[in-house]
Amino acid sequence: FDHVSIFLLIAGTYTPVFAYGLQGAWQVTMLSVVWGLAGAGMVLKLFFMNIPRWISTLIYVALGWIAVVPFFKLIQNLPAGAILFMFLGGIAYTIGAVIFGTKKFDFFPGKFGFHEVWHMFVSAGSALHFVMIAFFVATV
């Protein structure tokens, strides 16, 4: 069930970004899309747990970069620091996802392998997105 939570994390992170960074139809549409896709992803992970790792990883990354759709609206309404930390967090998550999806960097299998490296990048991405929300988005 921990992979279901990834969808909650993505949608939960985008909620304040879209709530404060977008208005009107853009806001309603993007919040609906991100939560709708997150819900679909959760159902997928709950009922089709054996789908290939690369498919799950691709879905996480695609949903994680959904902010490129309203990017030009976001840069008009959010501080530059928010955009910077959103981008840096996205890069960290994406690097982690590639490592997770390909099983590369398996330094000491069973002790410190690709899964642990992935967690390091996820932790970095989470910290960067926390800074984005706490210090830039919540102050708008």
Protein backbone atom coordinates (compact mmCIF):
# COMPACT_ATOMS: atom_id res chain seq x y z
CA PHE A 1 0.00 0.00 0.00
CA ASP A 2 2.97 2.34 0.25
CA HIS A 3 2.89 2.87 -3.52
CA VAL A 4 -0.72 4.07 -3.22
CA SER A 5 0.58 6.80 -0.92
CA ILE A 6 2.84 8.12 -3.66
CA PHE A 7 -0.26 9.29 -5.50
CA LEU A 8 -1.53 10.99 -2.34
CA LEU A 9 1.83 12.72 -1.91
CA ILE A 10 1.83 14.03 -5.49
CA ALA A 11 -1.77 15.31 -5.34
CA GLY A 12 -1.29 16.66 -1.83
CA THR A 13 1.80 18.57 -2.89
CA TYR A 14 0.07 20.08 -5.90
CA THR A 15 -3.04 21.12 -3.95
CA PRO A 16 -1.54 24.28 -2.36
CA VAL A 17 0.50 25.02 -5.49
CA PHE A 18 -2.60 25.01 -7.70
CA ALA A 19 -4.85 26.55 -5.02
CA TYR A 20 -2.58 29.58 -4.61
CA GLY A 21 -0.89 29.66 -8.00
CA LEU A 22 -3.93 29.37 -10.27
CA GLN A 23 -7.32 31.02 -10.48
CA GLY A 24 -10.69 30.31 -12.02
CA ALA A 25 -10.99 27.54 -14.59
CA TRP A 26 -7.26 26.76 -14.48
CA GLN A 27 -7.44 26.15 -10.74
CA VAL A 28 -10.55 23.97 -10.85
CA THR A 29 -9.32 22.04 -13.89
CA MET A 30 -5.81 21.32 -12.61
CA LEU A 31 -6.99 20.35 -9.11
CA SER A 32 -9.62 18.06 -10.65
CA VAL A 33 -7.13 16.51 -13.07
CA VAL A 34 -4.39 15.92 -10.49
CA TRP A 35 -6.78 14.41 -7.93
CA GLY A 36 -8.65 12.41 -10.59
CA LEU A 37 -5.43 10.93 -11.96
CA ALA A 38 -4.13 10.31 -8.43
CA GLY A 39 -7.37 8.48 -7.60
CA ALA A 40 -7.09 6.42 -10.78
CA GLY A 41 -3.47 5.63 -9.92
CA MET A 42 -4.46 4.50 -6.42
CA VAL A 43 -7.13 2.19 -7.83
CA LEU A 44 -4.60 0.84 -10.34
CA LYS A 45 -2.07 0.07 -7.58
CA LEU A 46 -4.71 -1.49 -5.32
CA PHE A 47 -6.27 -3.79 -7.89
CA PHE A 48 -3.41 -4.40 -10.32
CA MET A 49 -0.49 -4.73 -7.94
CA ASN A 50 1.58 -6.79 -10.34
CA ILE A 51 1.84 -4.28 -13.17
CA PRO A 52 5.43 -3.87 -14.34
CA ARG A 53 7.61 -1.52 -12.31
CA TRP A 54 8.37 0.66 -15.33
CA ILE A 55 4.67 1.37 -15.92
CA SER A 56 4.12 2.49 -12.33
CA THR A 57 7.26 4.59 -12.44
CA LEU A 58 6.21 6.24 -15.69
CA ILE A 59 2.81 7.11 -14.22
CA TYR A 60 4.40 8.63 -11.08
CA VAL A 61 6.78 10.74 -13.14
CA ALA A 62 4.10 11.88 -15.60
CA LEU A 63 1.75 12.93 -12.81
CA GLY A 64 4.63 14.51 -10.92
CA TRP A 65 5.43 16.80 -13.85
CA ILE A 66 1.82 17.84 -14.52
CA ALA A 67 2.69 21.39 -13.46
CA VAL A 68 4.24 21.94 -16.88
CA VAL A 69 0.68 22.26 -18.23
CA PRO A 70 -0.13 25.48 -16.32
CA PHE A 71 3.53 26.50 -15.99
CA PHE A 72 3.11 29.94 -17.54
CA LYS A 73 0.19 30.67 -15.20
CA LEU A 74 2.17 29.48 -12.17
CA ILE A 75 5.17 31.70 -12.90
CA GLN A 76 2.83 34.69 -13.04
CA ASN A 77 1.31 33.98 -9.62
CA LEU A 78 3.97 32.30 -7.48
CA PRO A 79 7.32 33.64 -6.27
CA ALA A 80 10.42 32.61 -8.22
CA GLY A 81 11.60 30.63 -5.18
CA ALA A 82 8.48 28.46 -5.35
CA ILE A 83 9.12 27.67 -9.00
CA LEU A 84 12.80 26.93 -8.29
CA PHE A 85 12.08 24.55 -5.40
CA MET A 86 9.25 22.88 -7.34
CA PHE A 87 11.64 22.25 -10.23
CA LEU A 88 14.49 21.03 -7.99
CA GLY A 89 12.15 18.70 -6.11
CA GLY A 90 10.84 17.37 -9.40
CA ILE A 91 14.38 16.69 -10.59
CA ALA A 92 15.19 14.82 -7.35
CA TYR A 93 12.03 12.72 -7.62
CA THR A 94 12.68 12.00 -11.29
CA ILE A 95 16.26 10.86 -10.69
CA GLY A 96 14.98 8.63 -7.90
CA ALA A 97 12.24 7.25 -10.14
CA VAL A 98 14.73 6.40 -12.88
CA ILE A 99 16.92 4.60 -10.35
CA PHE A 100 13.89 2.77 -8.94
CA GLY A 101 12.54 1.86 -12.38
CA THR A 102 15.85 0.61 -13.78
CA LYS A 103 17.22 -0.93 -10.56
CA LYS A 104 20.57 0.79 -11.22
CA PHE A 105 22.97 1.79 -8.46
CA ASP A 106 22.58 -1.49 -6.60
CA PHE A 107 25.81 -0.91 -4.66
CA PHE A 108 25.46 -3.53 -1.91
CA PRO A 109 22.43 -5.67 -2.80
CA GLY A 110 20.36 -6.54 0.23
CA LYS A 111 22.12 -3.89 2.34
CA PHE A 112 22.28 -0.63 0.37
CA GLY A 113 20.95 -0.91 -3.12
CA PHE A 114 18.81 0.89 -5.65
CA HIS A 115 15.81 0.95 -3.29
CA GLU A 116 17.74 2.82 -0.60
CA VAL A 117 19.19 5.24 -3.18
CA TRP A 118 15.65 5.83 -4.43
CA HIS A 119 14.53 6.66 -0.88
CA MET A 120 17.36 9.20 -0.59
CA PHE A 121 16.15 11.01 -3.71
CA VAL A 122 12.52 10.82 -2.56
CA SER A 123 13.54 12.32 0.79
CA ALA A 124 15.41 15.11 -1.00
CA GLY A 125 12.43 15.79 -3.28
CA SER A 126 10.06 15.84 -0.31
CA ALA A 127 12.30 18.26 1.60
CA LEU A 128 12.57 20.58 -1.41
CA HIS A 129 8.81 20.56 -1.92
CA PHE A 130 8.26 21.18 1.80
CA VAL A 131 10.45 24.28 1.54
CA MET A 132 8.52 25.34 -1.57
CA ILE A 133 5.17 25.13 0.20
CA ALA A 134 6.19 26.38 3.66
CA PHE A 135 8.35 29.31 2.62
CA PHE A 136 6.98 30.38 -0.74
CA VAL A 137 3.48 29.09 -1.51
CA ALA A 138 1.95 29.47 1.96
CA THR A 139 3.14 33.07 2.12
CA VAL A 140 1.33 34.13 -1.09
